[in-house]
């Protein structure tokens, strides 16, 4: 699954010449805490965040009154305070790569660009979660089997062959390694799985869990 398949292509953005006040108003109105900053051609320049805006305050100028403070903030431009050299990802990269970047750098959103550094959209942690749920087939109708298999064996191939004999479609398959064995998770496109489960058990496979989704 690629980033472009899960990104939000209608990203809310800020112009580098917007005032800090205007950027904050956009964030408030759209309930976004981060805005990509793009030029008139849509090229990604940087990122503005609530934290950066909060740091832009005339706290040292304690003699200023309310109106003077507002005037100062209206004259401060996004380009003066935006963060450059930001993490981003090409739209044609795998969604797993986006997840790794976000996890390793503790960020909740990545701007997505094309080959010319033009902003194509944004991808968020929520987009990653939704993709993971879909890839795991958690909400799809059918039966989710978790089977104990051996590391580096041909068990998965054997299990797939057993399922195919029963003319049952596989919606999803994944493996998770434990210290001494592997948990193989298979989502079947049926709730009538007793026959295949019985054959798997007869072949010596341990079924760790069976979950049906109607």
N, C-alpha and C. Protein backbone atom coordinates (compact mmCIF):
# COMPACT_ATOMS: atom_id res chain seq x y z
N UNK A 1 0.85 -1.18 0.00
CA UNK A 1 0.00 0.00 0.00
C UNK A 1 0.89 1.25 0.00
N UNK A 2 0.56 2.18 -0.89
CA UNK A 2 1.38 3.36 -1.05
C UNK A 2 0.80 4.57 -0.32
N UNK A 3 1.68 5.53 -0.03
CA UNK A 3 1.28 6.71 0.71
C UNK A 3 0.14 7.46 0.01
N UNK A 4 0.23 7.58 -1.32
CA UNK A 4 -0.80 8.34 -2.04
C UNK A 4 -2.19 7.73 -1.90
N UNK A 5 -2.26 6.43 -1.57
CA UNK A 5 -3.54 5.77 -1.41
C UNK A 5 -4.22 6.12 -0.09
N UNK A 6 -3.45 6.63 0.86
CA UNK A 6 -3.99 6.89 2.20
C UNK A 6 -3.86 8.34 2.65
N UNK A 7 -3.14 9.15 1.91
CA UNK A 7 -2.92 10.54 2.32
C UNK A 7 -4.20 11.36 2.12
N UNK A 8 -4.24 12.50 2.79
CA UNK A 8 -5.30 13.49 2.58
C UNK A 8 -4.79 14.46 1.52
N UNK A 9 -5.39 14.41 0.34
CA UNK A 9 -4.92 15.25 -0.75
C UNK A 9 -5.40 16.68 -0.70
N UNK A 10 -6.26 17.00 0.25
CA UNK A 10 -6.77 18.37 0.39
C UNK A 10 -6.23 19.00 1.67
N UNK A 11 -4.92 19.06 1.75
CA UNK A 11 -4.28 19.56 2.97
C UNK A 11 -4.52 21.06 3.16
N UNK A 12 -4.74 21.45 4.41
CA UNK A 12 -4.82 22.86 4.77
C UNK A 12 -3.40 23.39 4.87
N UNK A 13 -3.11 24.50 4.21
CA UNK A 13 -1.74 25.01 4.15
C UNK A 13 -1.66 26.48 4.57
N UNK A 14 -0.43 26.94 4.72
CA UNK A 14 -0.20 28.35 5.03
C UNK A 14 0.76 28.93 4.00
N UNK A 15 0.56 30.18 3.67
CA UNK A 15 1.46 30.91 2.78
C UNK A 15 2.60 31.50 3.62
N UNK A 16 3.81 31.52 3.11
CA UNK A 16 4.92 32.07 3.90
C UNK A 16 4.74 33.53 4.29
N UNK A 17 3.92 34.26 3.53
CA UNK A 17 3.71 35.67 3.84
C UNK A 17 2.48 35.91 4.71
N UNK A 18 1.80 34.83 5.12
CA UNK A 18 0.72 35.00 6.09
C UNK A 18 1.29 35.53 7.39
N UNK A 19 0.49 36.30 8.09
CA UNK A 19 0.89 36.74 9.43
C UNK A 19 0.72 35.58 10.42
N UNK A 20 1.44 35.66 11.52
CA UNK A 20 1.29 34.67 12.57
C UNK A 20 -0.15 34.62 13.06
N UNK A 21 -0.78 35.77 13.15
CA UNK A 21 -2.17 35.83 13.59
C UNK A 21 -3.09 35.07 12.64
N UNK A 22 -2.86 35.23 11.34
CA UNK A 22 -3.70 34.55 10.35
C UNK A 22 -3.49 33.04 10.41
N UNK A 23 -2.22 32.61 10.56
CA UNK A 23 -1.92 31.17 10.66
C UNK A 23 -2.61 30.57 11.88
N UNK A 24 -2.56 31.28 12.99
CA UNK A 24 -3.20 30.78 14.20
C UNK A 24 -4.71 30.70 14.02
N UNK A 25 -5.29 31.68 13.33
CA UNK A 25 -6.73 31.66 13.08
C UNK A 25 -7.12 30.47 12.21
N UNK A 26 -6.30 30.16 11.20
CA UNK A 26 -6.57 29.01 10.33
C UNK A 26 -6.54 27.73 11.14
N UNK A 27 -5.53 27.59 12.01
CA UNK A 27 -5.43 26.41 12.86
C UNK A 27 -6.64 26.27 13.76
N UNK A 28 -7.07 27.38 14.32
CA UNK A 28 -8.22 27.36 15.22
C UNK A 28 -9.48 26.95 14.48
N UNK A 29 -9.68 27.52 13.29
CA UNK A 29 -10.90 27.26 12.51
C UNK A 29 -10.96 25.84 11.97
N UNK A 30 -9.79 25.30 11.60
CA UNK A 30 -9.75 23.96 10.98
C UNK A 30 -9.37 22.86 11.97
N UNK A 31 -9.03 23.24 13.20
CA UNK A 31 -8.64 22.30 14.25
C UNK A 31 -7.41 21.48 13.85
N UNK A 32 -6.47 22.15 13.20
CA UNK A 32 -5.19 21.54 12.86
C UNK A 32 -4.10 22.14 13.75
N UNK A 33 -3.18 21.30 14.19
CA UNK A 33 -2.08 21.80 15.02
C UNK A 33 -0.79 22.01 14.22
N UNK A 34 -0.80 21.56 12.95
CA UNK A 34 0.37 21.71 12.08
C UNK A 34 -0.12 22.07 10.67
N UNK A 35 0.58 23.01 10.05
CA UNK A 35 0.24 23.39 8.69
C UNK A 35 1.49 23.37 7.81
N UNK A 36 1.46 22.67 6.70
CA UNK A 36 2.57 22.79 5.74
C UNK A 36 2.58 24.21 5.17
N UNK A 37 3.76 24.73 4.94
CA UNK A 37 3.91 26.06 4.34
C UNK A 37 4.34 25.86 2.88
N UNK A 38 3.59 26.43 1.95
CA UNK A 38 3.88 26.26 0.53
C UNK A 38 3.93 27.61 -0.16
N UNK A 39 4.71 27.66 -1.26
CA UNK A 39 4.77 28.91 -2.03
C UNK A 39 3.63 28.95 -3.03
N UNK A 40 3.63 29.95 -3.90
CA UNK A 40 2.52 30.14 -4.84
C UNK A 40 2.41 29.02 -5.86
N UNK A 41 3.47 28.23 -6.02
CA UNK A 41 3.45 27.10 -6.94
C UNK A 41 3.13 25.78 -6.25
N UNK A 42 2.88 25.85 -4.95
CA UNK A 42 2.57 24.64 -4.20
C UNK A 42 3.79 23.88 -3.70
N UNK A 43 4.98 24.47 -3.86
CA UNK A 43 6.20 23.79 -3.41
C UNK A 43 6.32 23.88 -1.90
N UNK A 44 6.65 22.76 -1.27
CA UNK A 44 6.76 22.69 0.18
C UNK A 44 7.99 23.47 0.66
N UNK A 45 7.77 24.39 1.57
CA UNK A 45 8.85 25.21 2.11
C UNK A 45 9.20 24.85 3.54
N UNK A 46 8.20 24.46 4.31
CA UNK A 46 8.43 24.18 5.73
C UNK A 46 7.14 23.82 6.43
N UNK A 47 7.15 24.02 7.74
CA UNK A 47 6.01 23.63 8.57
C UNK A 47 5.83 24.65 9.67
N UNK A 48 4.59 24.98 9.95
CA UNK A 48 4.27 25.85 11.09
C UNK A 48 3.42 25.05 12.06
N UNK A 49 3.70 25.17 13.35
CA UNK A 49 2.98 24.39 14.36
C UNK A 49 2.46 25.31 15.46
N UNK A 50 1.54 24.77 16.24
CA UNK A 50 1.01 25.53 17.38
C UNK A 50 2.13 25.90 18.34
N UNK A 51 3.08 24.97 18.53
CA UNK A 51 4.19 25.23 19.45
C UNK A 51 5.03 26.40 18.96
N UNK A 52 5.32 26.44 17.66
CA UNK A 52 6.10 27.55 17.12
C UNK A 52 5.37 28.87 17.27
N UNK A 53 4.05 28.83 17.03
CA UNK A 53 3.28 30.06 17.17
C UNK A 53 3.23 30.53 18.62
N UNK A 54 3.18 29.56 19.54
CA UNK A 54 3.14 29.92 20.96
C UNK A 54 4.44 30.58 21.41
N UNK A 55 5.52 30.22 20.71
CA UNK A 55 6.82 30.80 21.07
C UNK A 55 7.00 32.20 20.52
N UNK A 56 6.14 32.57 19.58
CA UNK A 56 6.19 33.92 19.00
C UNK A 56 5.32 34.83 19.85
N UNK A 57 5.89 35.41 20.85
CA UNK A 57 5.12 36.31 21.70
C UNK A 57 6.04 37.42 22.21
N UNK A 58 5.48 38.56 22.42
CA UNK A 58 6.27 39.72 22.85
C UNK A 58 6.45 39.76 24.35
N UNK A 59 6.78 38.64 24.99
CA UNK A 59 6.86 38.58 26.45
C UNK A 59 7.92 39.51 27.01
N UNK A 60 8.96 39.76 26.19
CA UNK A 60 10.02 40.64 26.68
C UNK A 60 9.61 42.10 26.61
N UNK A 61 8.65 42.37 25.75
CA UNK A 61 8.21 43.76 25.60
C UNK A 61 7.01 44.00 26.50
N UNK A 62 7.24 43.94 27.79
CA UNK A 62 6.14 43.99 28.75
C UNK A 62 5.45 45.35 28.79
N UNK A 63 6.08 46.35 28.18
CA UNK A 63 5.45 47.67 28.20
C UNK A 63 4.39 47.83 27.13
N UNK A 64 4.29 46.85 26.21
CA UNK A 64 3.32 46.96 25.14
C UNK A 64 1.91 46.69 25.65
N UNK A 65 0.94 47.41 25.11
CA UNK A 65 -0.44 47.14 25.49
C UNK A 65 -1.05 46.11 24.54
N UNK A 66 -2.30 45.78 24.78
CA UNK A 66 -2.99 44.72 24.01
C UNK A 66 -2.97 45.01 22.51
N UNK A 67 -3.26 46.24 22.13
CA UNK A 67 -3.34 46.59 20.71
C UNK A 67 -1.97 46.57 20.06
N UNK A 68 -0.98 46.99 20.79
CA UNK A 68 0.39 46.96 20.26
C UNK A 68 0.88 45.52 20.08
N UNK A 69 0.49 44.65 20.99
CA UNK A 69 0.86 43.23 20.88
C UNK A 69 0.21 42.62 19.64
N UNK A 70 -1.07 42.87 19.45
CA UNK A 70 -1.78 42.35 18.28
C UNK A 70 -1.17 42.88 16.98
N UNK A 71 -0.77 44.15 17.01
CA UNK A 71 -0.14 44.75 15.82
C UNK A 71 1.18 44.05 15.52
N UNK A 72 1.95 43.78 16.55
CA UNK A 72 3.24 43.12 16.38
C UNK A 72 3.06 41.72 15.80
N UNK A 73 2.09 40.99 16.33
CA UNK A 73 1.84 39.63 15.83
C UNK A 73 1.33 39.64 14.40
N UNK A 74 0.57 40.66 14.04
CA UNK A 74 0.04 40.74 12.68
C UNK A 74 1.14 41.05 11.67
N UNK A 75 2.25 41.62 12.14
CA UNK A 75 3.36 41.96 11.26
C UNK A 75 4.41 40.84 11.19
N UNK A 76 4.36 39.88 12.10
CA UNK A 76 5.29 38.75 12.08
C UNK A 76 4.81 37.73 11.06
N UNK A 77 5.66 37.36 10.12
CA UNK A 77 5.27 36.47 9.03
C UNK A 77 5.58 35.01 9.36
N UNK A 78 4.79 34.14 8.73
CA UNK A 78 5.00 32.70 8.88
C UNK A 78 6.42 32.32 8.48
N UNK A 79 6.94 32.92 7.40
CA UNK A 79 8.28 32.58 6.92
C UNK A 79 9.37 32.92 7.93
N UNK A 80 9.06 33.83 8.86
CA UNK A 80 10.05 34.21 9.87
C UNK A 80 10.16 33.19 11.00
N UNK A 81 9.14 32.37 11.16
CA UNK A 81 9.13 31.46 12.31
C UNK A 81 8.93 29.99 11.93
N UNK A 82 8.66 29.71 10.65
CA UNK A 82 8.38 28.33 10.24
C UNK A 82 9.63 27.46 10.39
N UNK A 83 9.39 26.17 10.52
CA UNK A 83 10.47 25.20 10.63
C UNK A 83 10.79 24.66 9.23
N UNK A 84 12.08 24.69 8.88
CA UNK A 84 12.52 24.17 7.58
C UNK A 84 13.31 22.88 7.81
N UNK A 85 13.70 22.22 6.73
CA UNK A 85 14.41 20.95 6.88
C UNK A 85 13.58 19.90 7.57
N UNK A 86 12.30 19.88 7.26
CA UNK A 86 11.34 19.03 7.97
C UNK A 86 11.31 17.61 7.38
N UNK A 87 10.75 16.69 8.16
CA UNK A 87 10.53 15.33 7.66
C UNK A 87 9.36 15.36 6.68
N UNK A 88 9.53 14.66 5.59
CA UNK A 88 8.48 14.55 4.57
C UNK A 88 8.64 13.20 3.89
N UNK A 89 7.69 12.86 3.00
CA UNK A 89 7.78 11.59 2.30
C UNK A 89 7.17 11.74 0.91
N UNK A 90 7.76 11.03 -0.05
CA UNK A 90 7.24 11.03 -1.41
C UNK A 90 5.95 10.22 -1.47
N UNK A 91 5.03 10.65 -2.28
CA UNK A 91 3.71 10.01 -2.35
C UNK A 91 3.78 8.57 -2.84
N UNK A 92 4.87 8.20 -3.54
CA UNK A 92 4.99 6.86 -4.09
C UNK A 92 5.74 5.89 -3.18
N UNK A 93 6.06 6.32 -1.97
CA UNK A 93 6.71 5.42 -1.02
C UNK A 93 5.66 4.57 -0.31
N UNK A 94 6.12 3.48 0.28
CA UNK A 94 5.21 2.59 0.99
C UNK A 94 4.72 3.23 2.29
N UNK A 95 3.49 2.91 2.66
CA UNK A 95 2.91 3.48 3.87
C UNK A 95 3.68 3.04 5.11
N UNK A 96 4.30 1.84 5.04
CA UNK A 96 5.11 1.37 6.17
C UNK A 96 6.29 2.30 6.43
N UNK A 97 6.84 2.89 5.37
CA UNK A 97 7.96 3.81 5.52
C UNK A 97 7.52 5.09 6.24
N UNK A 98 6.32 5.55 5.92
CA UNK A 98 5.78 6.72 6.61
C UNK A 98 5.60 6.42 8.09
N UNK A 99 5.11 5.23 8.40
CA UNK A 99 4.90 4.83 9.80
C UNK A 99 6.22 4.82 10.56
N UNK A 100 7.29 4.32 9.93
CA UNK A 100 8.60 4.26 10.59
C UNK A 100 9.12 5.67 10.86
N UNK A 101 9.00 6.57 9.88
CA UNK A 101 9.47 7.95 10.07
C UNK A 101 8.74 8.61 11.22
N UNK A 102 7.42 8.45 11.26
CA UNK A 102 6.63 9.07 12.33
C UNK A 102 6.95 8.49 13.69
N UNK A 103 7.13 7.17 13.74
CA UNK A 103 7.41 6.51 15.01
C UNK A 103 8.78 6.89 15.54
N UNK A 104 9.80 6.83 14.67
CA UNK A 104 11.17 7.09 15.11
C UNK A 104 11.41 8.54 15.48
N UNK A 105 10.63 9.45 14.90
CA UNK A 105 10.83 10.88 15.16
C UNK A 105 9.71 11.50 15.99
N UNK A 106 8.79 10.63 16.45
CA UNK A 106 7.70 11.05 17.35
C UNK A 106 6.92 12.23 16.78
N UNK A 107 6.47 12.09 15.55
CA UNK A 107 5.66 13.12 14.92
C UNK A 107 4.34 12.49 14.46
N UNK A 108 3.31 13.30 14.42
CA UNK A 108 1.99 12.79 14.12
C UNK A 108 1.51 13.04 12.71
N UNK A 109 2.31 13.79 11.92
CA UNK A 109 1.89 14.11 10.56
C UNK A 109 3.10 14.30 9.67
N UNK A 110 2.99 13.82 8.43
CA UNK A 110 4.05 14.00 7.45
C UNK A 110 3.49 14.69 6.21
N UNK A 111 4.13 15.78 5.75
CA UNK A 111 3.77 16.31 4.45
C UNK A 111 4.17 15.30 3.37
N UNK A 112 3.35 15.21 2.34
CA UNK A 112 3.61 14.29 1.23
C UNK A 112 3.87 15.11 -0.03
N UNK A 113 4.97 14.79 -0.71
CA UNK A 113 5.35 15.56 -1.89
C UNK A 113 5.45 14.66 -3.13
N UNK A 114 5.50 15.31 -4.29
CA UNK A 114 5.77 14.56 -5.52
C UNK A 114 7.26 14.70 -5.86
N UNK A 115 7.66 14.28 -7.05
CA UNK A 115 9.06 14.30 -7.43
C UNK A 115 9.63 15.71 -7.54
N UNK A 116 8.77 16.72 -7.66
CA UNK A 116 9.21 18.11 -7.79
C UNK A 116 9.08 18.90 -6.50
N UNK A 117 8.89 18.17 -5.39
CA UNK A 117 8.73 18.80 -4.07
C UNK A 117 7.45 19.62 -3.97
N UNK A 118 6.49 19.36 -4.85
CA UNK A 118 5.18 20.00 -4.75
C UNK A 118 4.35 19.22 -3.74
N UNK A 119 3.70 19.94 -2.85
CA UNK A 119 2.88 19.28 -1.83
C UNK A 119 1.72 18.53 -2.48
N UNK A 120 1.64 17.22 -2.19
CA UNK A 120 0.55 16.40 -2.72
C UNK A 120 -0.52 16.15 -1.68
N UNK A 121 -0.17 16.31 -0.40
CA UNK A 121 -1.11 16.07 0.68
C UNK A 121 -0.37 15.89 1.99
N UNK A 122 -1.06 15.33 2.96
CA UNK A 122 -0.44 14.99 4.25
C UNK A 122 -0.93 13.61 4.67
N UNK A 123 -0.13 12.93 5.47
CA UNK A 123 -0.55 11.66 6.04
C UNK A 123 -0.33 11.72 7.54
N UNK A 124 -1.31 11.22 8.30
CA UNK A 124 -1.28 11.32 9.75
C UNK A 124 -1.24 9.94 10.40
N UNK A 125 -1.01 9.94 11.71
CA UNK A 125 -1.04 8.67 12.45
C UNK A 125 -2.40 7.99 12.31
N UNK A 126 -3.47 8.77 12.29
CA UNK A 126 -4.80 8.18 12.15
C UNK A 126 -4.95 7.48 10.80
N UNK A 127 -4.37 8.07 9.75
CA UNK A 127 -4.39 7.43 8.44
C UNK A 127 -3.65 6.09 8.48
N UNK A 128 -2.53 6.06 9.21
CA UNK A 128 -1.75 4.83 9.36
C UNK A 128 -2.56 3.78 10.11
N UNK A 129 -3.22 4.20 11.20
CA UNK A 129 -4.04 3.26 11.98
C UNK A 129 -5.14 2.65 11.12
N UNK A 130 -5.82 3.49 10.34
CA UNK A 130 -6.91 3.01 9.50
C UNK A 130 -6.40 2.02 8.46
N UNK A 131 -5.24 2.31 7.89
CA UNK A 131 -4.65 1.40 6.90
C UNK A 131 -4.27 0.08 7.54
N UNK A 132 -3.73 0.13 8.76
CA UNK A 132 -3.34 -1.09 9.47
C UNK A 132 -4.57 -1.95 9.75
N UNK A 133 -5.65 -1.33 10.18
CA UNK A 133 -6.89 -2.06 10.44
C UNK A 133 -7.40 -2.74 9.18
N UNK A 134 -7.31 -2.03 8.06
CA UNK A 134 -7.78 -2.60 6.80
C UNK A 134 -6.87 -3.73 6.34
N UNK A 135 -5.55 -3.53 6.45
CA UNK A 135 -4.61 -4.55 6.00
C UNK A 135 -4.73 -5.82 6.84
N UNK A 136 -5.05 -5.66 8.11
CA UNK A 136 -5.23 -6.81 8.98
C UNK A 136 -6.58 -7.48 8.79
N UNK A 137 -7.47 -6.83 8.05
CA UNK A 137 -8.79 -7.40 7.81
C UNK A 137 -9.62 -7.51 9.07
N UNK A 138 -9.37 -6.62 10.03
CA UNK A 138 -10.02 -6.73 11.34
C UNK A 138 -11.53 -6.56 11.25
N UNK A 139 -11.99 -5.62 10.44
CA UNK A 139 -13.43 -5.35 10.37
C UNK A 139 -14.13 -6.05 9.20
N UNK A 140 -13.35 -6.71 8.37
CA UNK A 140 -13.95 -7.40 7.22
C UNK A 140 -14.71 -8.64 7.69
N UNK A 141 -15.79 -8.95 7.00
CA UNK A 141 -16.57 -10.14 7.35
C UNK A 141 -15.75 -11.40 7.07
N UNK A 142 -15.83 -12.35 7.97
CA UNK A 142 -15.11 -13.60 7.79
C UNK A 142 -14.56 -14.13 9.11
N UNK A 143 -13.57 -15.01 9.02
CA UNK A 143 -12.98 -15.65 10.19
C UNK A 143 -11.50 -15.33 10.27
N UNK A 144 -11.07 -14.89 11.44
CA UNK A 144 -9.66 -14.56 11.66
C UNK A 144 -9.02 -15.67 12.49
N UNK A 145 -8.09 -16.39 11.87
CA UNK A 145 -7.39 -17.49 12.54
C UNK A 145 -5.99 -17.05 12.94
N UNK A 146 -5.59 -17.39 14.15
CA UNK A 146 -4.21 -17.21 14.58
C UNK A 146 -3.63 -18.59 14.82
N UNK A 147 -2.58 -18.92 14.05
CA UNK A 147 -2.04 -20.27 14.04
C UNK A 147 -0.58 -20.24 14.48
N UNK A 148 -0.20 -21.20 15.32
CA UNK A 148 1.19 -21.30 15.77
C UNK A 148 2.00 -22.02 14.71
N UNK A 149 3.06 -21.37 14.22
CA UNK A 149 3.91 -21.97 13.19
C UNK A 149 5.37 -21.88 13.60
N UNK A 150 6.22 -22.58 12.88
CA UNK A 150 7.65 -22.63 13.20
C UNK A 150 8.41 -21.55 12.44
N UNK A 151 9.46 -21.01 13.08
CA UNK A 151 10.32 -20.05 12.41
C UNK A 151 10.97 -20.68 11.18
N UNK A 152 10.99 -19.92 10.08
CA UNK A 152 11.72 -20.34 8.90
C UNK A 152 11.30 -21.66 8.30
N UNK A 153 10.06 -22.05 8.49
CA UNK A 153 9.58 -23.33 7.95
C UNK A 153 8.66 -23.09 6.75
N UNK A 154 8.18 -24.18 6.18
CA UNK A 154 7.24 -24.09 5.05
C UNK A 154 5.80 -24.19 5.54
N UNK A 155 5.59 -23.94 6.83
CA UNK A 155 4.25 -24.06 7.41
C UNK A 155 3.22 -23.20 6.69
N UNK A 156 3.58 -21.95 6.41
CA UNK A 156 2.61 -21.04 5.81
C UNK A 156 2.16 -21.55 4.44
N UNK A 157 3.12 -22.02 3.65
CA UNK A 157 2.78 -22.57 2.34
C UNK A 157 1.84 -23.77 2.48
N UNK A 158 2.12 -24.60 3.46
CA UNK A 158 1.28 -25.78 3.70
C UNK A 158 -0.13 -25.37 4.13
N UNK A 159 -0.21 -24.38 5.02
CA UNK A 159 -1.51 -23.92 5.50
C UNK A 159 -2.33 -23.32 4.36
N UNK A 160 -1.69 -22.52 3.51
CA UNK A 160 -2.38 -21.92 2.37
C UNK A 160 -2.92 -23.00 1.44
N UNK A 161 -2.14 -24.05 1.23
CA UNK A 161 -2.59 -25.16 0.38
C UNK A 161 -3.81 -25.86 0.97
N UNK A 162 -3.80 -26.05 2.30
CA UNK A 162 -4.93 -26.69 2.96
C UNK A 162 -6.20 -25.84 2.79
N UNK A 163 -6.05 -24.53 2.96
CA UNK A 163 -7.20 -23.63 2.83
C UNK A 163 -7.73 -23.64 1.40
N UNK A 164 -6.81 -23.66 0.42
CA UNK A 164 -7.23 -23.62 -0.99
C UNK A 164 -8.02 -24.86 -1.38
N UNK A 165 -7.69 -25.98 -0.77
CA UNK A 165 -8.44 -27.22 -1.05
C UNK A 165 -9.91 -27.08 -0.67
N UNK A 166 -10.17 -26.25 0.35
CA UNK A 166 -11.54 -26.03 0.82
C UNK A 166 -12.23 -24.90 0.05
N UNK A 167 -11.57 -24.37 -0.98
CA UNK A 167 -12.14 -23.31 -1.82
C UNK A 167 -12.55 -22.08 -1.01
N UNK A 168 -11.68 -21.71 -0.06
CA UNK A 168 -11.93 -20.53 0.78
C UNK A 168 -10.92 -19.44 0.40
N UNK A 169 -11.42 -18.25 0.18
CA UNK A 169 -10.54 -17.13 -0.16
C UNK A 169 -9.84 -16.57 1.07
N UNK A 170 -8.59 -16.19 0.91
CA UNK A 170 -7.81 -15.55 1.97
C UNK A 170 -7.82 -14.04 1.73
N UNK A 171 -8.30 -13.29 2.72
CA UNK A 171 -8.35 -11.83 2.61
C UNK A 171 -7.06 -11.18 3.06
N UNK A 172 -6.40 -11.81 4.02
CA UNK A 172 -5.19 -11.21 4.60
C UNK A 172 -4.37 -12.29 5.27
N UNK A 173 -3.03 -12.12 5.21
CA UNK A 173 -2.14 -13.03 5.93
C UNK A 173 -0.94 -12.25 6.44
N UNK A 174 -0.56 -12.48 7.68
CA UNK A 174 0.60 -11.80 8.26
C UNK A 174 1.22 -12.69 9.33
N UNK A 175 2.47 -12.39 9.68
CA UNK A 175 3.18 -13.19 10.67
C UNK A 175 3.82 -12.30 11.72
N UNK A 176 3.81 -12.75 12.97
CA UNK A 176 4.41 -12.03 14.08
C UNK A 176 5.30 -13.01 14.85
N UNK A 177 6.58 -12.67 14.95
CA UNK A 177 7.54 -13.58 15.58
C UNK A 177 7.57 -13.45 17.09
N UNK A 178 7.47 -14.57 17.78
CA UNK A 178 7.76 -14.66 19.20
C UNK A 178 9.14 -15.29 19.34
N UNK A 179 9.59 -15.54 20.56
CA UNK A 179 10.93 -16.07 20.76
C UNK A 179 11.10 -17.47 20.17
N UNK A 180 10.11 -18.32 20.35
CA UNK A 180 10.27 -19.71 19.95
C UNK A 180 9.36 -20.14 18.81
N UNK A 181 8.42 -19.28 18.41
CA UNK A 181 7.51 -19.65 17.33
C UNK A 181 6.96 -18.39 16.66
N UNK A 182 6.21 -18.59 15.62
CA UNK A 182 5.60 -17.48 14.87
C UNK A 182 4.08 -17.59 14.96
N UNK A 183 3.43 -16.45 15.17
CA UNK A 183 1.97 -16.41 15.11
C UNK A 183 1.58 -15.97 13.69
N UNK A 184 0.95 -16.85 12.98
CA UNK A 184 0.49 -16.55 11.63
C UNK A 184 -1.01 -16.23 11.68
N UNK A 185 -1.34 -15.03 11.25
CA UNK A 185 -2.73 -14.56 11.28
C UNK A 185 -3.29 -14.59 9.87
N UNK A 186 -4.40 -15.29 9.69
CA UNK A 186 -5.03 -15.43 8.38
C UNK A 186 -6.50 -15.06 8.49
N UNK A 187 -6.94 -14.14 7.63
CA UNK A 187 -8.35 -13.76 7.58
C UNK A 187 -9.00 -14.46 6.40
N UNK A 188 -10.00 -15.29 6.69
CA UNK A 188 -10.72 -16.05 5.68
C UNK A 188 -12.02 -15.35 5.31
N UNK A 189 -12.38 -15.44 4.03
CA UNK A 189 -13.60 -14.78 3.57
C UNK A 189 -14.81 -15.72 3.75
N UNK A 190 -14.98 -16.18 4.97
CA UNK A 190 -16.11 -17.04 5.29
C UNK A 190 -16.24 -17.16 6.80
N UNK A 191 -17.47 -17.38 7.24
CA UNK A 191 -17.70 -17.69 8.65
C UNK A 191 -17.90 -19.20 8.86
N UNK A 192 -17.87 -19.92 7.76
CA UNK A 192 -18.01 -21.38 7.83
C UNK A 192 -16.62 -22.01 7.69
N UNK A 193 -15.88 -22.02 8.77
CA UNK A 193 -14.48 -22.42 8.73
C UNK A 193 -14.18 -23.69 9.53
N UNK A 194 -15.22 -24.34 10.04
CA UNK A 194 -15.00 -25.51 10.90
C UNK A 194 -14.19 -26.61 10.21
N UNK A 195 -14.51 -26.85 8.94
CA UNK A 195 -13.84 -27.95 8.23
C UNK A 195 -12.35 -27.69 8.06
N UNK A 196 -12.00 -26.47 7.68
CA UNK A 196 -10.58 -26.17 7.49
C UNK A 196 -9.85 -26.13 8.82
N UNK A 197 -10.53 -25.65 9.87
CA UNK A 197 -9.91 -25.63 11.20
C UNK A 197 -9.63 -27.05 11.68
N UNK A 198 -10.59 -27.92 11.47
CA UNK A 198 -10.40 -29.33 11.88
C UNK A 198 -9.26 -29.98 11.12
N UNK A 199 -9.15 -29.69 9.83
CA UNK A 199 -8.05 -30.28 9.06
C UNK A 199 -6.69 -29.74 9.51
N UNK A 200 -6.64 -28.44 9.80
CA UNK A 200 -5.39 -27.85 10.29
C UNK A 200 -4.97 -28.51 11.61
N UNK A 201 -5.93 -28.74 12.49
CA UNK A 201 -5.64 -29.40 13.76
C UNK A 201 -5.16 -30.84 13.53
N UNK A 202 -5.83 -31.52 12.60
CA UNK A 202 -5.43 -32.90 12.29
C UNK A 202 -4.02 -32.97 11.71
N UNK A 203 -3.60 -31.89 11.05
CA UNK A 203 -2.25 -31.83 10.48
C UNK A 203 -1.21 -31.44 11.54
N UNK A 204 -1.68 -31.20 12.77
CA UNK A 204 -0.76 -30.89 13.86
C UNK A 204 -0.58 -29.42 14.16
N UNK A 205 -1.35 -28.56 13.51
CA UNK A 205 -1.23 -27.12 13.77
C UNK A 205 -2.05 -26.72 15.00
N UNK A 206 -1.46 -25.87 15.83
CA UNK A 206 -2.15 -25.36 17.02
C UNK A 206 -2.85 -24.06 16.66
N UNK A 207 -4.17 -24.04 16.81
CA UNK A 207 -4.96 -22.83 16.55
C UNK A 207 -5.01 -22.01 17.84
N UNK A 208 -4.40 -20.85 17.82
CA UNK A 208 -4.32 -20.02 19.03
C UNK A 208 -5.60 -19.23 19.27
N UNK A 209 -6.27 -18.84 18.20
CA UNK A 209 -7.55 -18.12 18.37
C UNK A 209 -8.36 -18.17 17.08
N UNK A 210 -9.67 -18.09 17.25
CA UNK A 210 -10.61 -18.03 16.14
C UNK A 210 -11.60 -16.91 16.43
N UNK A 211 -11.63 -15.90 15.55
CA UNK A 211 -12.52 -14.77 15.74
C UNK A 211 -13.35 -14.59 14.47
N UNK A 212 -14.69 -14.58 14.64
CA UNK A 212 -15.59 -14.41 13.50
C UNK A 212 -16.13 -12.98 13.47
N UNK A 213 -16.17 -12.38 12.29
CA UNK A 213 -16.76 -11.05 12.09
C UNK A 213 -17.93 -11.18 11.14
N UNK A 214 -19.13 -10.78 11.62
CA UNK A 214 -20.31 -10.86 10.77
C UNK A 214 -20.59 -9.53 10.08
